[in-house]
Amino acid sequence: MGSMKNLWLMLIISMAIKTGVSYQHLEAPIPSPSYKDYLTDCAAKLHPKYCADQTYFDIFYGNETTSEECCKNLHVGVGKSCTDNLIKFVLASSPQFNKNETQIWRRINQIWNGCI
């Protein structure tokens, strides 16, 4: 019986050592350099700067209204794929937005569909 307890104890210790006990805060994955370049290019397409600011605050906080000019720039300059990938990246790397993810996607769809 004693040897069975020792076996279980050794198994548990072995598993703890192999897997490690972690109390670290998990960070969002760092994008690969090519994906980061892609996202940077996407973000740079939304100009002038006030359009980038206006659209960001409209999407993520709901406290701005994206103007018609900025909305058209989002459509023509940035495009749907770039816009969606930028939003996915911000959501993955900024945990403060997680609780509002549904609202954020609703807002971007309203912006996107509102100026077609």
PDB file of N, CA and C in Angstrom:
ATOM      1  N   MET A   1       0.821  -1.189   0.000  1.00  0.00           N
ATOM      2  CA  MET A   1       0.000   0.000   0.000  1.00  0.00           C
ATOM      3  C   MET A   1       0.865   1.252   0.000  1.00  0.00           C
ATOM      4  N   GLY A   2       1.938   1.211   0.813  1.00  0.00           N
ATOM      5  CA  GLY A   2       2.849   2.340   0.872  1.00  0.00           C
ATOM      6  C   GLY A   2       3.515   2.595  -0.470  1.00  0.00           C
ATOM      7  N   SER A   3       3.857   1.543  -1.182  1.00  0.00           N
ATOM      8  CA  SER A   3       4.510   1.721  -2.478  1.00  0.00           C
ATOM      9  C   SER A   3       3.540   2.302  -3.504  1.00  0.00           C
ATOM     10  N   MET A   4       2.238   2.008  -3.384  1.00  0.00           N
ATOM     11  CA  MET A   4       1.229   2.567  -4.287  1.00  0.00           C
ATOM     12  C   MET A   4       1.105   4.074  -4.061  1.00  0.00           C
ATOM     13  N   LYS A   5       1.127   4.509  -2.787  1.00  0.00           N
ATOM     14  CA  LYS A   5       1.080   5.939  -2.483  1.00  0.00           C
ATOM     15  C   LYS A   5       2.301   6.628  -3.074  1.00  0.00           C
ATOM     16  N   ASN A   6       3.455   6.004  -2.919  1.00  0.00           N
ATOM     17  CA  ASN A   6       4.686   6.581  -3.455  1.00  0.00           C
ATOM     18  C   ASN A   6       4.628   6.687  -4.975  1.00  0.00           C
ATOM     19  N   LEU A   7       4.040   5.696  -5.625  1.00  0.00           N
ATOM     20  CA  LEU A   7       3.914   5.715  -7.077  1.00  0.00           C
ATOM     21  C   LEU A   7       3.048   6.890  -7.520  1.00  0.00           C
ATOM     22  N   TRP A   8       1.895   7.077  -6.873  1.00  0.00           N
ATOM     23  CA  TRP A   8       1.012   8.191  -7.197  1.00  0.00           C
ATOM     24  C   TRP A   8       1.689   9.529  -6.924  1.00  0.00           C
ATOM     25  N   LEU A   9       2.385   9.613  -5.813  1.00  0.00           N
ATOM     26  CA  LEU A   9       3.091  10.837  -5.466  1.00  0.00           C
ATOM     27  C   LEU A   9       4.144  11.159  -6.527  1.00  0.00           C
ATOM     28  N   MET A  10       4.892  10.157  -6.956  1.00  0.00           N
ATOM     29  CA  MET A  10       5.911  10.361  -7.989  1.00  0.00           C
ATOM     30  C   MET A  10       5.270  10.769  -9.317  1.00  0.00           C
ATOM     31  N   LEU A  11       4.128  10.179  -9.641  1.00  0.00           N
ATOM     32  CA  LEU A  11       3.419  10.522 -10.870  1.00  0.00           C
ATOM     33  C   LEU A  11       2.961  11.978 -10.831  1.00  0.00           C
ATOM     34  N   ILE A  12       2.388  12.386  -9.713  1.00  0.00           N
ATOM     35  CA  ILE A  12       1.907  13.769  -9.573  1.00  0.00           C
ATOM     36  C   ILE A  12       3.074  14.746  -9.643  1.00  0.00           C
ATOM     37  N   ILE A  13       4.152  14.446  -8.952  1.00  0.00           N
ATOM     38  CA  ILE A  13       5.327  15.322  -8.982  1.00  0.00           C
ATOM     39  C   ILE A  13       5.895  15.394 -10.391  1.00  0.00           C
ATOM     40  N   SER A  14       5.962  14.256 -11.060  1.00  0.00           N
ATOM     41  CA  SER A  14       6.477  14.217 -12.423  1.00  0.00           C
ATOM     42  C   SER A  14       5.627  15.074 -13.354  1.00  0.00           C
ATOM     43  N   MET A  15       4.311  14.981 -13.234  1.00  0.00           N
ATOM     44  CA  MET A  15       3.415  15.777 -14.074  1.00  0.00           C
ATOM     45  C   MET A  15       3.558  17.256 -13.764  1.00  0.00           C
ATOM     46  N   ALA A  16       3.686  17.602 -12.494  1.00  0.00           N
ATOM     47  CA  ALA A  16       3.834  19.005 -12.110  1.00  0.00           C
ATOM     48  C   ALA A  16       5.122  19.589 -12.667  1.00  0.00           C
ATOM     49  N   ILE A  17       6.171  18.798 -12.669  1.00  0.00           N
ATOM     50  CA  ILE A  17       7.451  19.275 -13.186  1.00  0.00           C
ATOM     51  C   ILE A  17       7.387  19.435 -14.699  1.00  0.00           C
ATOM     52  N   LYS A  18       6.789  18.473 -15.397  1.00  0.00           N
ATOM     53  CA  LYS A  18       6.723  18.529 -16.858  1.00  0.00           C
ATOM     54  C   LYS A  18       5.826  19.659 -17.345  1.00  0.00           C
ATOM     55  N   THR A  19       4.652  19.791 -16.734  1.00  0.00           N
ATOM     56  CA  THR A  19       3.720  20.808 -17.204  1.00  0.00           C
ATOM     57  C   THR A  19       3.975  22.142 -16.546  1.00  0.00           C
ATOM     58  N   GLY A  20       4.507  22.129 -15.349  1.00  0.00           N
ATOM     59  CA  GLY A  20       4.782  23.372 -14.636  1.00  0.00           C
ATOM     60  C   GLY A  20       3.517  23.987 -14.090  1.00  0.00           C
ATOM     61  N   VAL A  21       3.659  24.620 -12.990  1.00  0.00           N
ATOM     62  CA  VAL A  21       2.550  25.357 -12.400  1.00  0.00           C
ATOM     63  C   VAL A  21       2.732  26.791 -12.835  1.00  0.00           C
ATOM     64  N   SER A  22       1.750  27.335 -13.483  1.00  0.00           N
ATOM     65  CA  SER A  22       1.892  28.669 -14.046  1.00  0.00           C
ATOM     66  C   SER A  22       0.849  29.611 -13.478  1.00  0.00           C
ATOM     67  N   TYR A  23       1.329  30.736 -13.034  1.00  0.00           N
ATOM     68  CA  TYR A  23       0.441  31.794 -12.571  1.00  0.00           C
ATOM     69  C   TYR A  23       0.620  33.026 -13.448  1.00  0.00           C
ATOM     70  N   GLN A  24       1.162  32.811 -14.634  1.00  0.00           N
ATOM     71  CA  GLN A  24       1.424  33.919 -15.529  1.00  0.00           C
ATOM     72  C   GLN A  24       0.136  34.384 -16.188  1.00  0.00           C
ATOM     73  N   HIS A  25       0.103  35.662 -16.485  1.00  0.00           N
ATOM     74  CA  HIS A  25      -0.992  36.216 -17.270  1.00  0.00           C
ATOM     75  C   HIS A  25      -0.684  35.913 -18.730  1.00  0.00           C
ATOM     76  N   LEU A  26      -1.618  35.300 -19.421  1.00  0.00           N
ATOM     77  CA  LEU A  26      -1.396  34.960 -20.824  1.00  0.00           C
ATOM     78  C   LEU A  26      -1.546  36.205 -21.685  1.00  0.00           C
ATOM     79  N   GLU A  27      -0.585  36.426 -22.516  1.00  0.00           N
ATOM     80  CA  GLU A  27      -0.602  37.558 -23.425  1.00  0.00           C
ATOM     81  C   GLU A  27      -1.147  37.108 -24.774  1.00  0.00           C
ATOM     82  N   ALA A  28      -1.658  38.061 -25.523  1.00  0.00           N
ATOM     83  CA  ALA A  28      -2.121  37.755 -26.874  1.00  0.00           C
ATOM     84  C   ALA A  28      -0.916  37.352 -27.712  1.00  0.00           C
ATOM     85  N   PRO A  29      -1.122  36.473 -28.666  1.00  0.00           N
ATOM     86  CA  PRO A  29       0.007  36.070 -29.502  1.00  0.00           C
ATOM     87  C   PRO A  29       0.554  37.257 -30.286  1.00  0.00           C
ATOM     88  N   ILE A  30       1.850  37.276 -30.453  1.00  0.00           N
ATOM     89  CA  ILE A  30       2.489  38.332 -31.228  1.00  0.00           C
ATOM     90  C   ILE A  30       2.354  37.952 -32.697  1.00  0.00           C
ATOM     91  N   PRO A  31       1.840  38.868 -33.515  1.00  0.00           N
ATOM     92  CA  PRO A  31       1.670  38.514 -34.924  1.00  0.00           C
ATOM     93  C   PRO A  31       3.024  38.324 -35.602  1.00  0.00           C
ATOM     94  N   SER A  32       3.041  37.468 -36.605  1.00  0.00           N
ATOM     95  CA  SER A  32       4.270  37.262 -37.365  1.00  0.00           C
ATOM     96  C   SER A  32       4.622  38.577 -38.057  1.00  0.00           C
ATOM     97  N   PRO A  33       5.904  38.784 -38.377  1.00  0.00           N
ATOM     98  CA  PRO A  33       6.291  40.048 -39.012  1.00  0.00           C
ATOM     99  C   PRO A  33       5.488  40.355 -40.276  1.00  0.00           C
ATOM    100  N   SER A  34       5.233  39.353 -41.096  1.00  0.00           N
ATOM    101  CA  SER A  34       4.485  39.619 -42.330  1.00  0.00           C
ATOM    102  C   SER A  34       3.032  39.988 -42.030  1.00  0.00           C
ATOM    103  N   TYR A  35       2.426  39.355 -41.026  1.00  0.00           N
ATOM    104  CA  TYR A  35       1.050  39.690 -40.657  1.00  0.00           C
ATOM    105  C   TYR A  35       1.003  41.068 -40.014  1.00  0.00           C
ATOM    106  N   LYS A  36       2.020  41.371 -39.214  1.00  0.00           N
ATOM    107  CA  LYS A  36       2.092  42.694 -38.589  1.00  0.00           C
ATOM    108  C   LYS A  36       2.226  43.765 -39.670  1.00  0.00           C
ATOM    109  N   ASP A  37       3.051  43.503 -40.684  1.00  0.00           N
ATOM    110  CA  ASP A  37       3.195  44.440 -41.803  1.00  0.00           C
ATOM    111  C   ASP A  37       1.865  44.612 -42.530  1.00  0.00           C
ATOM    112  N   TYR A  38       1.166  43.509 -42.735  1.00  0.00           N
ATOM    113  CA  TYR A  38      -0.149  43.543 -43.383  1.00  0.00           C
ATOM    114  C   TYR A  38      -1.109  44.429 -42.587  1.00  0.00           C
ATOM    115  N   LEU A  39      -1.157  44.235 -41.260  1.00  0.00           N
ATOM    116  CA  LEU A  39      -2.053  45.034 -40.421  1.00  0.00           C
ATOM    117  C   LEU A  39      -1.648  46.506 -40.420  1.00  0.00           C
ATOM    118  N   THR A  40      -0.351  46.762 -40.396  1.00  0.00           N
ATOM    119  CA  THR A  40       0.140  48.145 -40.442  1.00  0.00           C
ATOM    120  C   THR A  40      -0.269  48.805 -41.748  1.00  0.00           C
ATOM    121  N   ASP A  41      -0.135  48.078 -42.851  1.00  0.00           N
ATOM    122  CA  ASP A  41      -0.564  48.604 -44.152  1.00  0.00           C
ATOM    123  C   ASP A  41      -2.064  48.866 -44.167  1.00  0.00           C
ATOM    124  N   CYS A  42      -2.830  47.953 -43.583  1.00  0.00           N
ATOM    125  CA  CYS A  42      -4.284  48.141 -43.511  1.00  0.00           C
ATOM    126  C   CYS A  42      -4.623  49.416 -42.748  1.00  0.00           C
ATOM    127  N   ALA A  43      -4.012  49.583 -41.586  1.00  0.00           N
ATOM    128  CA  ALA A  43      -4.297  50.751 -40.748  1.00  0.00           C
ATOM    129  C   ALA A  43      -3.876  52.044 -41.440  1.00  0.00           C
ATOM    130  N   ALA A  44      -2.774  52.005 -42.177  1.00  0.00           N
ATOM    131  CA  ALA A  44      -2.274  53.204 -42.856  1.00  0.00           C
ATOM    132  C   ALA A  44      -3.202  53.658 -43.978  1.00  0.00           C
ATOM    133  N   LYS A  45      -4.028  52.760 -44.473  1.00  0.00           N
ATOM    134  CA  LYS A  45      -4.936  53.105 -45.568  1.00  0.00           C
ATOM    135  C   LYS A  45      -6.099  53.977 -45.108  1.00  0.00           C
ATOM    136  N   LEU A  46      -6.373  53.986 -43.824  1.00  0.00           N
ATOM    137  CA  LEU A  46      -7.477  54.800 -43.307  1.00  0.00           C
ATOM    138  C   LEU A  46      -6.925  56.176 -42.962  1.00  0.00           C
ATOM    139  N   HIS A  47      -7.112  57.106 -43.860  1.00  0.00           N
ATOM    140  CA  HIS A  47      -6.601  58.456 -43.660  1.00  0.00           C
ATOM    141  C   HIS A  47      -7.634  59.450 -44.128  1.00  0.00           C
ATOM    142  N   PRO A  48      -7.586  60.673 -43.765  1.00  0.00           N
ATOM    143  CA  PRO A  48      -6.642  61.308 -42.852  1.00  0.00           C
ATOM    144  C   PRO A  48      -6.776  60.762 -41.425  1.00  0.00           C
ATOM    145  N   LYS A  49      -5.851  61.202 -40.566  1.00  0.00           N
ATOM    146  CA  LYS A  49      -5.774  60.668 -39.209  1.00  0.00           C
ATOM    147  C   LYS A  49      -7.097  60.802 -38.465  1.00  0.00           C
ATOM    148  N   TYR A  50      -7.810  61.908 -38.668  1.00  0.00           N
ATOM    149  CA  TYR A  50      -9.072  62.057 -37.941  1.00  0.00           C
ATOM    150  C   TYR A  50     -10.063  60.963 -38.326  1.00  0.00           C
ATOM    151  N   CYS A  51      -9.959  60.416 -39.535  1.00  0.00           N
ATOM    152  CA  CYS A  51     -10.832  59.293 -39.917  1.00  0.00           C
ATOM    153  C   CYS A  51     -10.473  58.043 -39.123  1.00  0.00           C
ATOM    154  N   ALA A  52      -9.179  57.807 -38.950  1.00  0.00           N
ATOM    155  CA  ALA A  52      -8.751  56.651 -38.158  1.00  0.00           C
ATOM    156  C   ALA A  52      -9.243  56.790 -36.723  1.00  0.00           C
ATOM    157  N   ASP A  53      -9.073  57.979 -36.147  1.00  0.00           N
ATOM    158  CA  ASP A  53      -9.522  58.214 -34.767  1.00  0.00           C
ATOM    159  C   ASP A  53     -11.036  58.085 -34.656  1.00  0.00           C
ATOM    160  N   GLN A  54     -11.735  58.739 -35.563  1.00  0.00           N
ATOM    161  CA  GLN A  54     -13.198  58.732 -35.555  1.00  0.00           C
ATOM    162  C   GLN A  54     -13.749  57.313 -35.664  1.00  0.00           C
ATOM    163  N   THR A  55     -13.207  56.549 -36.586  1.00  0.00           N
ATOM    164  CA  THR A  55     -13.673  55.180 -36.802  1.00  0.00           C
ATOM    165  C   THR A  55     -13.343  54.291 -35.613  1.00  0.00           C
ATOM    166  N   TYR A  56     -12.142  54.439 -35.059  1.00  0.00           N
ATOM    167  CA  TYR A  56     -11.729  53.648 -33.886  1.00  0.00           C
ATOM    168  C   TYR A  56     -12.687  53.881 -32.718  1.00  0.00           C
ATOM    169  N   PHE A  57     -12.952  55.151 -32.404  1.00  0.00           N
ATOM    170  CA  PHE A  57     -13.823  55.447 -31.264  1.00  0.00           C
ATOM    171  C   PHE A  57     -15.272  55.054 -31.537  1.00  0.00           C
ATOM    172  N   ASP A  58     -15.690  55.126 -32.782  1.00  0.00           N
ATOM    173  CA  ASP A  58     -17.038  54.681 -33.134  1.00  0.00           C
ATOM    174  C   ASP A  58     -17.164  53.169 -32.949  1.00  0.00           C
ATOM    175  N   ILE A  59     -16.186  52.416 -33.421  1.00  0.00           N
ATOM    176  CA  ILE A  59     -16.243  50.952 -33.345  1.00  0.00           C
ATOM    177  C   ILE A  59     -16.062  50.446 -31.922  1.00  0.00           C
ATOM    178  N   PHE A  60     -15.010  50.897 -31.249  1.00  0.00           N
ATOM    179  CA  PHE A  60     -14.649  50.294 -29.966  1.00  0.00           C
ATOM    180  C   PHE A  60     -15.310  50.932 -28.749  1.00  0.00           C
ATOM    181  N   TYR A  61     -15.752  52.183 -28.865  1.00  0.00           N
ATOM    182  CA  TYR A  61     -16.382  52.832 -27.709  1.00  0.00           C
ATOM    183  C   TYR A  61     -17.812  53.285 -27.984  1.00  0.00           C
ATOM    184  N   GLY A  62     -18.170  53.434 -29.247  1.00  0.00           N
ATOM    185  CA  GLY A  62     -19.519  53.863 -29.588  1.00  0.00           C
ATOM    186  C   GLY A  62     -19.793  55.312 -29.240  1.00  0.00           C
ATOM    187  N   ASN A  63     -18.731  56.132 -29.082  1.00  0.00           N
ATOM    188  CA  ASN A  63     -18.931  57.522 -28.675  1.00  0.00           C
ATOM    189  C   ASN A  63     -18.559  58.520 -29.771  1.00  0.00           C
ATOM    190  N   GLU A  64     -18.464  58.066 -30.988  1.00  0.00           N
ATOM    191  CA  GLU A  64     -18.205  58.910 -32.157  1.00  0.00           C
ATOM    192  C   GLU A  64     -19.140  58.449 -33.261  1.00  0.00           C
ATOM    193  N   THR A  65     -19.278  59.272 -34.264  1.00  0.00           N
ATOM    194  CA  THR A  65     -20.023  58.872 -35.451  1.00  0.00           C
ATOM    195  C   THR A  65     -19.072  58.975 -36.634  1.00  0.00           C
ATOM    196  N   THR A  66     -18.950  57.900 -37.364  1.00  0.00           N
ATOM    197  CA  THR A  66     -18.066  57.896 -38.531  1.00  0.00           C
ATOM    198  C   THR A  66     -18.715  58.713 -39.636  1.00  0.00           C
ATOM    199  N   SER A  67     -18.011  59.741 -40.089  1.00  0.00           N
ATOM    200  CA  SER A  67     -18.544  60.619 -41.131  1.00  0.00           C
ATOM    201  C   SER A  67     -18.651  59.861 -42.449  1.00  0.00           C
ATOM    202  N   GLU A  68     -19.407  60.433 -43.362  1.00  0.00           N
ATOM    203  CA  GLU A  68     -19.572  59.815 -44.682  1.00  0.00           C
ATOM    204  C   GLU A  68     -18.224  59.708 -45.397  1.00  0.00           C
ATOM    205  N   GLU A  69     -17.409  60.757 -45.285  1.00  0.00           N
ATOM    206  CA  GLU A  69     -16.080  60.749 -45.910  1.00  0.00           C
ATOM    207  C   GLU A  69     -15.230  59.597 -45.367  1.00  0.00           C
ATOM    208  N   CYS A  70     -15.219  59.443 -44.045  1.00  0.00           N
ATOM    209  CA  CYS A  70     -14.401  58.393 -43.426  1.00  0.00           C
ATOM    210  C   CYS A  70     -14.969  57.008 -43.718  1.00  0.00           C
ATOM    211  N   CYS A  71     -16.279  56.916 -43.789  1.00  0.00           N
ATOM    212  CA  CYS A  71     -16.919  55.648 -44.103  1.00  0.00           C
ATOM    213  C   CYS A  71     -16.546  55.198 -45.522  1.00  0.00           C
ATOM    214  N   LYS A  72     -16.587  56.129 -46.459  1.00  0.00           N
ATOM    215  CA  LYS A  72     -16.201  55.806 -47.835  1.00  0.00           C
ATOM    216  C   LYS A  72     -14.729  55.416 -47.905  1.00  0.00           C
ATOM    217  N   ASN A  73     -13.896  56.110 -47.124  1.00  0.00           N
ATOM    218  CA  ASN A  73     -12.478  55.777 -47.090  1.00  0.00           C
ATOM    219  C   ASN A  73     -12.275  54.374 -46.543  1.00  0.00           C
ATOM    220  N   LEU A  74     -13.076  54.001 -45.559  1.00  0.00           N
ATOM    221  CA  LEU A  74     -13.008  52.657 -44.986  1.00  0.00           C
ATOM    222  C   LEU A  74     -13.338  51.616 -46.059  1.00  0.00           C
ATOM    223  N   HIS A  75     -14.372  51.892 -46.846  1.00  0.00           N
ATOM    224  CA  HIS A  75     -14.790  50.972 -47.916  1.00  0.00           C
ATOM    225  C   HIS A  75     -13.759  50.883 -49.031  1.00  0.00           C
ATOM    226  N   VAL A  76     -13.419  52.043 -49.580  1.00  0.00           N
ATOM    227  CA  VAL A  76     -12.575  52.087 -50.774  1.00  0.00           C
ATOM    228  C   VAL A  76     -11.098  51.898 -50.434  1.00  0.00           C
ATOM    229  N   GLY A  77     -10.633  52.574 -49.397  1.00  0.00           N
ATOM    230  CA  GLY A  77      -9.213  52.541 -49.071  1.00  0.00           C
ATOM    231  C   GLY A  77      -8.775  51.312 -48.302  1.00  0.00           C
ATOM    232  N   VAL A  78      -9.568  50.927 -47.315  1.00  0.00           N
ATOM    233  CA  VAL A  78      -9.165  49.842 -46.420  1.00  0.00           C
ATOM    234  C   VAL A  78      -9.735  48.506 -46.875  1.00  0.00           C
ATOM    235  N   GLY A  79     -11.028  48.448 -47.084  1.00  0.00           N
ATOM    236  CA  GLY A  79     -11.674  47.208 -47.503  1.00  0.00           C
ATOM    237  C   GLY A  79     -12.142  46.368 -46.327  1.00  0.00           C
ATOM    238  N   LYS A  80     -13.056  45.466 -46.609  1.00  0.00           N
ATOM    239  CA  LYS A  80     -13.696  44.641 -45.575  1.00  0.00           C
ATOM    240  C   LYS A  80     -12.710  43.689 -44.902  1.00  0.00           C
ATOM    241  N   SER A  81     -11.890  43.023 -45.677  1.00  0.00           N
ATOM    242  CA  SER A  81     -10.959  42.042 -45.119  1.00  0.00           C
ATOM    243  C   SER A  81      -9.968  42.702 -44.161  1.00  0.00           C
ATOM    244  N   CYS A  82      -9.363  43.808 -44.593  1.00  0.00           N
ATOM    245  CA  CYS A  82      -8.426  44.527 -43.721  1.00  0.00           C
ATOM    246  C   CYS A  82      -9.129  45.011 -42.457  1.00  0.00           C
ATOM    247  N   THR A  83     -10.311  45.572 -42.621  1.00  0.00           N
ATOM    248  CA  THR A  83     -11.060  46.086 -41.472  1.00  0.00           C
ATOM    249  C   THR A  83     -11.337  44.975 -40.471  1.00  0.00           C
ATOM    250  N   ASP A  84     -11.839  43.857 -40.950  1.00  0.00           N
ATOM    251  CA  ASP A  84     -12.147  42.737 -40.049  1.00  0.00           C
ATOM    252  C   ASP A  84     -10.898  42.204 -39.357  1.00  0.00           C
ATOM    253  N   ASN A  85      -9.788  42.109 -40.092  1.00  0.00           N
ATOM    254  CA  ASN A  85      -8.551  41.611 -39.485  1.00  0.00           C
ATOM    255  C   ASN A  85      -7.990  42.578 -38.448  1.00  0.00           C
ATOM    256  N   LEU A  86      -8.123  43.871 -38.684  1.00  0.00           N
ATOM    257  CA  LEU A  86      -7.698  44.853 -37.685  1.00  0.00           C
ATOM    258  C   LEU A  86      -8.525  44.719 -36.411  1.00  0.00           C
ATOM    259  N   ILE A  87      -9.832  44.554 -36.574  1.00  0.00           N
ATOM    260  CA  ILE A  87     -10.703  44.411 -35.409  1.00  0.00           C
ATOM    261  C   ILE A  87     -10.370  43.133 -34.649  1.00  0.00           C
ATOM    262  N   LYS A  88     -10.168  42.048 -35.369  1.00  0.00           N
ATOM    263  CA  LYS A  88      -9.797  40.782 -34.712  1.00  0.00           C
ATOM    264  C   LYS A  88      -8.510  40.937 -33.918  1.00  0.00           C
ATOM    265  N   PHE A  89      -7.534  41.647 -34.487  1.00  0.00           N
ATOM    266  CA  PHE A  89      -6.263  41.842 -33.790  1.00  0.00           C
ATOM    267  C   PHE A  89      -6.453  42.674 -32.522  1.00  0.00           C
ATOM    268  N   VAL A  90      -7.206  43.758 -32.627  1.00  0.00           N
ATOM    269  CA  VAL A  90      -7.438  44.599 -31.441  1.00  0.00           C
ATOM    270  C   VAL A  90      -8.165  43.798 -30.370  1.00  0.00           C
ATOM    271  N   LEU A  91      -9.163  43.026 -30.750  1.00  0.00           N
ATOM    272  CA  LEU A  91      -9.894  42.211 -29.771  1.00  0.00           C
ATOM    273  C   LEU A  91      -8.982  41.177 -29.118  1.00  0.00           C
ATOM    274  N   ALA A  92      -8.096  40.572 -29.889  1.00  0.00           N
ATOM    275  CA  ALA A  92      -7.199  39.549 -29.341  1.00  0.00           C
ATOM    276  C   ALA A  92      -6.123  40.142 -28.448  1.00  0.00           C
ATOM    277  N   SER A  93      -5.715  41.367 -28.734  1.00  0.00           N
ATOM    278  CA  SER A  93      -4.599  41.946 -27.985  1.00  0.00           C
ATOM    279  C   SER A  93      -5.034  42.930 -26.902  1.00  0.00           C
ATOM    280  N   SER A  94      -6.317  43.222 -26.812  1.00  0.00           N
ATOM    281  CA  SER A  94      -6.812  44.189 -25.822  1.00  0.00           C
ATOM    282  C   SER A  94      -7.980  43.590 -25.051  1.00  0.00           C
ATOM    283  N   PRO A  95      -7.693  42.891 -23.955  1.00  0.00           N
ATOM    284  CA  PRO A  95      -8.740  42.197 -23.200  1.00  0.00           C
ATOM    285  C   PRO A  95      -9.868  43.098 -22.699  1.00  0.00           C
ATOM    286  N   GLN A  96      -9.618  44.397 -22.575  1.00  0.00           N
ATOM    287  CA  GLN A  96     -10.668  45.284 -22.076  1.00  0.00           C
ATOM    288  C   GLN A  96     -11.875  45.345 -23.015  1.00  0.00           C
ATOM    289  N   PHE A  97     -11.699  44.934 -24.272  1.00  0.00           N
ATOM    290  CA  PHE A  97     -12.804  44.964 -25.224  1.00  0.00           C
ATOM    291  C   PHE A  97     -13.582  43.649 -25.282  1.00  0.00           C
ATOM    292  N   ASN A  98     -13.083  42.602 -24.657  1.00  0.00           N
ATOM    293  CA  ASN A  98     -13.717  41.280 -24.753  1.00  0.00           C
ATOM    294  C   ASN A  98     -15.179  41.284 -24.343  1.00  0.00           C
ATOM    295  N   LYS A  99     -15.516  41.984 -23.280  1.00  0.00           N
ATOM    296  CA  LYS A  99     -16.905  41.979 -22.806  1.00  0.00           C
ATOM    297  C   LYS A  99     -17.849  42.687 -23.781  1.00  0.00           C
ATOM    298  N   ASN A 100     -17.296  43.519 -24.673  1.00  0.00           N
ATOM    299  CA  ASN A 100     -18.120  44.255 -25.634  1.00  0.00           C
ATOM    300  C   ASN A 100     -17.963  43.746 -27.065  1.00  0.00           C
ATOM    301  N   GLU A 101     -17.428  42.547 -27.219  1.00  0.00           N
ATOM    302  CA  GLU A 101     -17.130  42.046 -28.562  1.00  0.00           C
ATOM    303  C   GLU A 101     -18.362  42.028 -29.469  1.00  0.00           C
ATOM    304  N   THR A 102     -19.488  41.592 -28.950  1.00  0.00           N
ATOM    305  CA  THR A 102     -20.714  41.544 -29.759  1.00  0.00           C
ATOM    306  C   THR A 102     -21.112  42.940 -30.217  1.00  0.00           C
ATOM    307  N   GLN A 103     -21.043  43.910 -29.308  1.00  0.00           N
ATOM    308  CA  GLN A 103     -21.378  45.294 -29.671  1.00  0.00           C
ATOM    309  C   GLN A 103     -20.394  45.851 -30.695  1.00  0.00           C
ATOM    310  N   ILE A 104     -19.133  45.508 -30.538  1.00  0.00           N
ATOM    311  CA  ILE A 104     -18.110  45.997 -31.463  1.00  0.00           C
ATOM    312  C   ILE A 104     -18.386  45.481 -32.875  1.00  0.00           C
ATOM    313  N   TRP A 105     -18.692  44.192 -33.012  1.00  0.00           N
ATOM    314  CA  TRP A 105     -18.998  43.644 -34.342  1.00  0.00           C
ATOM    315  C   TRP A 105     -20.296  44.238 -34.886  1.00  0.00           C
ATOM    316  N   ARG A 106     -21.255  44.493 -34.019  1.00  0.00           N
ATOM    317  CA  ARG A 106     -22.500  45.121 -34.466  1.00  0.00           C
ATOM    318  C   ARG A 106     -22.213  46.537 -34.988  1.00  0.00           C
ATOM    319  N   ARG A 107     -21.381  47.275 -34.260  1.00  0.00           N
ATOM    320  CA  ARG A 107     -21.054  48.645 -34.683  1.00  0.00           C
ATOM    321  C   ARG A 107     -20.343  48.667 -36.033  1.00  0.00           C
ATOM    322  N   ILE A 108     -19.354  47.785 -36.218  1.00  0.00           N
ATOM    323  CA  ILE A 108     -18.637  47.809 -37.494  1.00  0.00           C
ATOM    324  C   ILE A 108     -19.571  47.412 -38.632  1.00  0.00           C
ATOM    325  N   ASN A 109     -20.472  46.491 -38.389  1.00  0.00           N
ATOM    326  CA  ASN A 109     -21.436  46.120 -39.434  1.00  0.00           C
ATOM    327  C   ASN A 109     -22.377  47.274 -39.748  1.00  0.00           C
ATOM    328  N   GLN A 110     -22.782  48.021 -38.725  1.00  0.00           N
ATOM    329  CA  GLN A 110     -23.631  49.195 -38.964  1.00  0.00           C
ATOM    330  C   GLN A 110     -22.880  50.246 -39.771  1.00  0.00           C
ATOM    331  N   ILE A 111     -21.628  50.473 -39.405  1.00  0.00           N
ATOM    332  CA  ILE A 111     -20.817  51.442 -40.148  1.00  0.00           C
ATOM    333  C   ILE A 111     -20.646  50.956 -41.586  1.00  0.00           C
ATOM    334  N   TRP A 112     -20.272  49.701 -41.730  1.00  0.00           N
ATOM    335  CA  TRP A 112     -19.996  49.146 -43.057  1.00  0.00           C
ATOM    336  C   TRP A 112     -21.241  49.185 -43.941  1.00  0.00           C
ATOM    337  N   ASN A 113     -22.366  48.750 -43.410  1.00  0.00           N
ATOM    338  CA  ASN A 113     -23.600  48.698 -44.203  1.00  0.00           C
ATOM    339  C   ASN A 113     -24.247  50.067 -44.365  1.00  0.00           C
ATOM    340  N   GLY A 114     -23.927  50.993 -43.482  1.00  0.00           N
ATOM    341  CA  GLY A 114     -24.542  52.319 -43.518  1.00  0.00           C
ATOM    342  C   GLY A 114     -24.032  53.220 -44.622  1.00  0.00           C
ATOM    343  N   CYS A 115     -22.910  52.901 -45.197  1.00  0.00           N
ATOM    344  CA  CYS A 115     -22.382  53.806 -46.228  1.00  0.00           C
ATOM    345  C   CYS A 115     -22.100  53.098 -47.542  1.00  0.00           C
ATOM    346  N   ILE A 116     -22.758  51.983 -47.766  1.00  0.00           N
ATOM    347  CA  ILE A 116     -22.593  51.285 -49.055  1.00  0.00           C
ATOM    348  C   ILE A 116     -23.270  52.087 -50.140  1.00  0.00           C
TER     349      ILE A 116
END
